[in-house]
């Protein structure tokens, strides 16, 4: 049972990533494609956070630790910083893609990829 709980965040991350990729590949609405890309991004962030997790560890910023002969484990701060950076970049990218979808909708009157391709010709 403990092994299942240890790998559960990784299984959830892979499941969410597969669901996001399925939406990106098989949906024709640009808003749905954007939501699928956001799911993939969230899955990557979950994977990174799960990768840096250590059982019975403390936050790396906590400085009131006493070293009484015991080893004090800390979670990896590099993974946390990378995840925060990925969230900010993902937010900016999502906002830019959403504004592009709004411009496409105003110009073509639809967000369906097939209709936009037909109207372009």
Protein backbone atom coordinates (compact mmCIF):
# COMPACT_ATOMS: atom_id res chain seq x y z
CA UNK A 1 0.00 0.00 0.00
CA UNK A 2 2.85 2.38 0.77
CA UNK A 3 4.38 1.82 -2.69
CA UNK A 4 1.07 2.74 -4.32
CA UNK A 5 0.86 6.00 -2.36
CA UNK A 6 4.48 6.78 -3.19
CA UNK A 7 3.87 6.61 -6.94
CA UNK A 8 0.35 8.05 -6.95
CA UNK A 9 1.37 11.67 -7.81
CA UNK A 10 3.35 10.39 -10.80
CA UNK A 11 0.42 8.28 -12.02
CA UNK A 12 -1.92 11.26 -11.68
CA UNK A 13 0.54 13.52 -13.53
CA UNK A 14 0.79 11.06 -16.42
CA UNK A 15 -3.00 10.63 -16.52
CA UNK A 16 -3.60 14.40 -16.63
CA UNK A 17 -0.92 14.82 -19.30
CA UNK A 18 -2.50 12.11 -21.48
CA UNK A 19 -5.93 13.71 -21.06
CA UNK A 20 -4.50 17.10 -22.05
CA UNK A 21 -2.76 15.66 -25.09
CA UNK A 22 -5.97 13.92 -26.14
CA UNK A 23 -7.84 17.23 -25.97
CA UNK A 24 -5.13 18.99 -27.98
CA UNK A 25 -5.07 16.31 -30.67
CA UNK A 26 -8.78 15.56 -31.11
CA UNK A 27 -10.65 18.77 -30.37
CA UNK A 28 -11.18 21.35 -33.11
CA UNK A 29 -12.22 24.32 -30.97
CA UNK A 30 -9.27 26.59 -30.19
CA UNK A 31 -10.52 27.27 -26.64
CA UNK A 32 -10.58 23.51 -25.96
CA UNK A 33 -7.08 23.16 -27.41
CA UNK A 34 -5.92 25.95 -25.12
CA UNK A 35 -7.49 24.20 -22.13
CA UNK A 36 -5.75 20.94 -23.11
CA UNK A 37 -2.40 22.70 -23.26
CA UNK A 38 -3.08 24.10 -19.81
CA UNK A 39 -3.76 20.55 -18.56
CA UNK A 40 -0.42 19.37 -19.93
CA UNK A 41 1.30 22.31 -18.24
CA UNK A 42 -0.36 21.48 -14.92
CA UNK A 43 0.69 17.85 -15.26
CA UNK A 44 4.31 18.87 -15.78
CA UNK A 45 4.15 21.12 -12.71
CA UNK A 46 2.67 18.30 -10.64
CA UNK A 47 5.42 15.98 -11.85
CA UNK A 48 8.11 18.48 -10.86
CA UNK A 49 6.65 19.02 -7.40
CA UNK A 50 6.30 15.27 -6.83
CA UNK A 51 9.87 14.77 -7.98
CA UNK A 52 11.22 17.18 -5.37
CA UNK A 53 9.17 15.80 -2.47
CA UNK A 54 10.88 13.95 0.38
CA UNK A 55 9.02 12.18 3.15
CA UNK A 56 9.55 13.72 6.64
CA UNK A 57 11.38 16.71 5.19
CA UNK A 58 11.01 20.39 5.99
CA UNK A 59 10.87 23.49 3.83
CA UNK A 60 14.35 24.71 2.86
CA UNK A 61 13.66 28.20 4.19
CA UNK A 62 13.03 27.02 7.75
CA UNK A 63 16.07 28.06 9.81
CA UNK A 64 15.08 27.07 13.37
CA UNK A 65 16.38 23.52 13.08
CA UNK A 66 18.53 22.05 15.81
CA UNK A 67 21.07 19.49 14.82
CA UNK A 68 21.06 17.17 17.79
CA UNK A 69 22.90 14.41 16.02
CA UNK A 70 19.94 13.68 13.76
CA UNK A 71 19.98 14.23 10.05
CA UNK A 72 17.41 16.81 9.00
CA UNK A 73 16.12 16.30 5.47
CA UNK A 74 14.86 19.17 3.37
CA UNK A 75 12.86 19.19 0.17
CA UNK A 76 14.68 20.25 -2.95
CA UNK A 77 14.40 24.04 -3.42
CA UNK A 78 15.57 23.91 -7.04
CA UNK A 79 12.50 22.00 -8.13
CA UNK A 80 10.22 24.43 -6.29
CA UNK A 81 11.88 27.42 -7.96
CA UNK A 82 11.67 25.75 -11.36
CA UNK A 83 7.98 25.03 -10.83
CA UNK A 84 7.22 28.62 -9.83
CA UNK A 85 9.05 29.85 -12.91
CA UNK A 86 7.11 27.40 -15.10
CA UNK A 87 3.81 28.61 -13.63
CA UNK A 88 4.62 32.25 -14.41
CA UNK A 89 5.79 31.48 -17.94
CA UNK A 90 2.74 29.27 -18.51
CA UNK A 91 0.41 32.00 -17.34
CA UNK A 92 1.96 34.53 -19.72
CA UNK A 93 1.89 32.06 -22.61
CA UNK A 94 -1.74 31.14 -21.92
CA UNK A 95 -2.75 34.81 -21.84
CA UNK A 96 -0.98 35.43 -25.15
CA UNK A 97 -2.63 32.39 -26.78
CA UNK A 98 -6.04 33.43 -25.46
CA UNK A 99 -5.63 36.90 -26.92
CA UNK A 100 -4.69 35.30 -30.26
CA UNK A 101 -7.85 33.16 -30.11
CA UNK A 102 -9.91 36.32 -29.46
CA UNK A 103 -8.37 37.99 -32.52
CA UNK A 104 -9.09 34.89 -34.63
CA UNK A 105 -12.70 34.87 -33.41
CA UNK A 106 -13.15 38.54 -34.23
CA UNK A 107 -11.65 38.14 -37.69
CA UNK A 108 -13.23 34.83 -38.76
CA UNK A 109 -16.29 34.70 -36.49
CA UNK A 110 -15.48 31.19 -35.28
CA UNK A 111 -12.93 29.31 -33.18
CA UNK A 112 -13.25 26.03 -35.07
CA UNK A 113 -9.93 25.15 -36.70
CA UNK A 114 -11.58 23.57 -39.76
CA UNK A 115 -13.69 26.66 -40.47
CA UNK A 116 -10.73 29.01 -40.03
CA UNK A 117 -8.73 26.97 -42.56
CA UNK A 118 -11.61 27.07 -45.06
CA UNK A 119 -12.17 30.79 -44.65
CA UNK A 120 -8.48 31.52 -45.07
CA UNK A 121 -8.43 30.24 -48.64
